[in-house]
Amino acid sequence: LATSRRYAQALLEHLDAKKVTRRAGDAHVLRRRR
C-alpha cells in the first residue's frame, strides 16, 4: 500500500476488529475462511 503508517495502522486495526486478520505478536495475519 502506498499510504502513511497512520492510515495503514488504522486499516489493520479495523480488519482485526472485523475478524479478517488477527494479531500474532507484532504482525497481522489473515484468518482462514470457513
PDB file of N, CA and C in Angstrom:
ATOM      1  N   LEU A   1       0.833  -1.188   0.000  1.00  0.00           N
ATOM      2  CA  LEU A   1       0.000   0.000   0.000  1.00  0.00           C
ATOM      3  C   LEU A   1       0.874   1.246   0.000  1.00  0.00           C
ATOM      4  N   ALA A   2       0.488   2.184  -0.785  1.00  0.00           N
ATOM      5  CA  ALA A   2       1.214   3.457  -0.822  1.00  0.00           C
ATOM      6  C   ALA A   2       0.475   4.448   0.071  1.00  0.00           C
ATOM      7  N   THR A   3       0.634   4.272   1.378  1.00  0.00           N
ATOM      8  CA  THR A   3      -0.064   5.113   2.345  1.00  0.00           C
ATOM      9  C   THR A   3       0.836   5.351   3.545  1.00  0.00           C
ATOM     10  N   SER A   4       0.419   6.254   4.388  1.00  0.00           N
ATOM     11  CA  SER A   4       1.215   6.540   5.581  1.00  0.00           C
ATOM     12  C   SER A   4       0.980   5.467   6.649  1.00  0.00           C
ATOM     13  N   ARG A   5       1.902   5.390   7.573  1.00  0.00           N
ATOM     14  CA  ARG A   5       1.781   4.431   8.677  1.00  0.00           C
ATOM     15  C   ARG A   5       0.494   4.673   9.465  1.00  0.00           C
ATOM     16  N   ARG A   6       0.134   5.943   9.632  1.00  0.00           N
ATOM     17  CA  ARG A   6      -1.062   6.306  10.402  1.00  0.00           C
ATOM     18  C   ARG A   6      -2.316   5.642   9.829  1.00  0.00           C
ATOM     19  N   TYR A   7      -2.494   5.720   8.514  1.00  0.00           N
ATOM     20  CA  TYR A   7      -3.686   5.155   7.889  1.00  0.00           C
ATOM     21  C   TYR A   7      -3.597   3.640   7.749  1.00  0.00           C
ATOM     22  N   ALA A   8      -2.408   3.121   7.507  1.00  0.00           N
ATOM     23  CA  ALA A   8      -2.233   1.674   7.418  1.00  0.00           C
ATOM     24  C   ALA A   8      -2.553   1.018   8.759  1.00  0.00           C
ATOM     25  N   GLN A   9      -2.106   1.617   9.854  1.00  0.00           N
ATOM     26  CA  GLN A   9      -2.371   1.065  11.184  1.00  0.00           C
ATOM     27  C   GLN A   9      -3.866   1.065  11.484  1.00  0.00           C
ATOM     28  N   ALA A  10      -4.556   2.137  11.132  1.00  0.00           N
ATOM     29  CA  ALA A  10      -6.000   2.211  11.346  1.00  0.00           C
ATOM     30  C   ALA A  10      -6.716   1.131  10.542  1.00  0.00           C
ATOM     31  N   LEU A  11      -6.281   0.899   9.305  1.00  0.00           N
ATOM     32  CA  LEU A  11      -6.888  -0.138   8.468  1.00  0.00           C
ATOM     33  C   LEU A  11      -6.669  -1.516   9.079  1.00  0.00           C
ATOM     34  N   LEU A  12      -5.447  -1.804   9.533  1.00  0.00           N
ATOM     35  CA  LEU A  12      -5.163  -3.102  10.139  1.00  0.00           C
ATOM     36  C   LEU A  12      -5.971  -3.311  11.416  1.00  0.00           C
ATOM     37  N   GLU A  13      -6.134  -2.292  12.222  1.00  0.00           N
ATOM     38  CA  GLU A  13      -6.927  -2.417  13.445  1.00  0.00           C
ATOM     39  C   GLU A  13      -8.394  -2.674  13.105  1.00  0.00           C
ATOM     40  N   HIS A  14      -8.890  -2.032  12.047  1.00  0.00           N
ATOM     41  CA  HIS A  14     -10.265  -2.253  11.598  1.00  0.00           C
ATOM     42  C   HIS A  14     -10.440  -3.704  11.136  1.00  0.00           C
ATOM     43  N   LEU A  15      -9.479  -4.222  10.368  1.00  0.00           N
ATOM     44  CA  LEU A  15      -9.557  -5.605   9.896  1.00  0.00           C
ATOM     45  C   LEU A  15      -9.484  -6.590  11.058  1.00  0.00           C
ATOM     46  N   ASP A  16      -8.707  -6.282  12.091  1.00  0.00           N
ATOM     47  CA  ASP A  16      -8.669  -7.119  13.299  1.00  0.00           C
ATOM     48  C   ASP A  16     -10.045  -7.149  13.958  1.00  0.00           C
ATOM     49  N   ALA A  17     -10.685  -6.009  14.070  1.00  0.00           N
ATOM     50  CA  ALA A  17     -11.999  -5.920  14.717  1.00  0.00           C
ATOM     51  C   ALA A  17     -13.059  -6.678  13.930  1.00  0.00           C
ATOM     52  N   LYS A  18     -12.936  -6.700  12.605  1.00  0.00           N
ATOM     53  CA  LYS A  18     -13.891  -7.403  11.742  1.00  0.00           C
ATOM     54  C   LYS A  18     -13.545  -8.879  11.587  1.00  0.00           C
ATOM     55  N   LYS A  19     -12.503  -9.335  12.278  1.00  0.00           N
ATOM     56  CA  LYS A  19     -12.047 -10.726  12.262  1.00  0.00           C
ATOM     57  C   LYS A  19     -11.548 -11.180  10.891  1.00  0.00           C
ATOM     58  N   VAL A  20     -11.038 -10.236  10.090  1.00  0.00           N
ATOM     59  CA  VAL A  20     -10.419 -10.573   8.809  1.00  0.00           C
ATOM     60  C   VAL A  20      -8.965 -10.959   9.052  1.00  0.00           C
ATOM     61  N   THR A  21      -8.322 -10.248   9.981  1.00  0.00           N
ATOM     62  CA  THR A  21      -6.950 -10.554  10.368  1.00  0.00           C
ATOM     63  C   THR A  21      -6.911 -10.787  11.871  1.00  0.00           C
ATOM     64  N   ARG A  22      -5.782 -11.333  12.333  1.00  0.00           N
ATOM     65  CA  ARG A  22      -5.573 -11.496  13.769  1.00  0.00           C
ATOM     66  C   ARG A  22      -4.155 -11.071  14.084  1.00  0.00           C
ATOM     67  N   ARG A  23      -3.937 -10.645  15.316  1.00  0.00           N
ATOM     68  CA  ARG A  23      -2.599 -10.246  15.751  1.00  0.00           C
ATOM     69  C   ARG A  23      -1.808 -11.495  16.109  1.00  0.00           C
ATOM     70  N   ALA A  24      -0.577 -11.551  15.663  1.00  0.00           N
ATOM     71  CA  ALA A  24       0.348 -12.626  16.020  1.00  0.00           C
ATOM     72  C   ALA A  24       1.655 -11.942  16.404  1.00  0.00           C
ATOM     73  N   GLY A  25       1.763 -11.576  17.660  1.00  0.00           N
ATOM     74  CA  GLY A  25       2.927 -10.804  18.095  1.00  0.00           C
ATOM     75  C   GLY A  25       2.821  -9.393  17.543  1.00  0.00           C
ATOM     76  N   ASP A  26       3.806  -8.991  16.758  1.00  0.00           N
ATOM     77  CA  ASP A  26       3.791  -7.659  16.152  1.00  0.00           C
ATOM     78  C   ASP A  26       3.192  -7.667  14.751  1.00  0.00           C
ATOM     79  N   ALA A  27       2.758  -8.831  14.271  1.00  0.00           N
ATOM     80  CA  ALA A  27       2.257  -8.951  12.897  1.00  0.00           C
ATOM     81  C   ALA A  27       0.739  -9.111  12.880  1.00  0.00           C
ATOM     82  N   HIS A  28       0.151  -8.812  11.741  1.00  0.00           N
ATOM     83  CA  HIS A  28      -1.266  -9.058  11.491  1.00  0.00           C
ATOM     84  C   HIS A  28      -1.328 -10.169  10.452  1.00  0.00           C
ATOM     85  N   VAL A  29      -2.066 -11.254  10.753  1.00  0.00           N
ATOM     86  CA  VAL A  29      -2.114 -12.429   9.889  1.00  0.00           C
ATOM     87  C   VAL A  29      -3.549 -12.637   9.434  1.00  0.00           C
ATOM     88  N   LEU A  30      -3.728 -12.936   8.134  1.00  0.00           N
ATOM     89  CA  LEU A  30      -5.070 -13.213   7.626  1.00  0.00           C
ATOM     90  C   LEU A  30      -5.625 -14.464   8.281  1.00  0.00           C
ATOM     91  N   ARG A  31      -6.904 -14.424   8.616  1.00  0.00           N
ATOM     92  CA  ARG A  31      -7.575 -15.605   9.162  1.00  0.00           C
ATOM     93  C   ARG A  31      -8.027 -16.484   8.006  1.00  0.00           C
ATOM     94  N   ARG A  32      -8.185 -17.767   8.286  1.00  0.00           N
ATOM     95  CA  ARG A  32      -8.699 -18.684   7.265  1.00  0.00           C
ATOM     96  C   ARG A  32     -10.192 -18.484   7.099  1.00  0.00           C
ATOM     97  N   ARG A  33     -10.651 -18.636   5.873  1.00  0.00           N
ATOM     98  CA  ARG A  33     -12.092 -18.547   5.616  1.00  0.00           C
ATOM     99  C   ARG A  33     -12.736 -19.862   6.020  1.00  0.00           C
ATOM    100  N   ARG A  34     -13.936 -19.787   6.538  1.00  0.00           N
ATOM    101  CA  ARG A  34     -14.649 -21.009   6.945  1.00  0.00           C
ATOM    102  C   ARG A  34     -15.581 -21.463   5.875  1.00  0.00           C
TER     103      ARG A  34
END
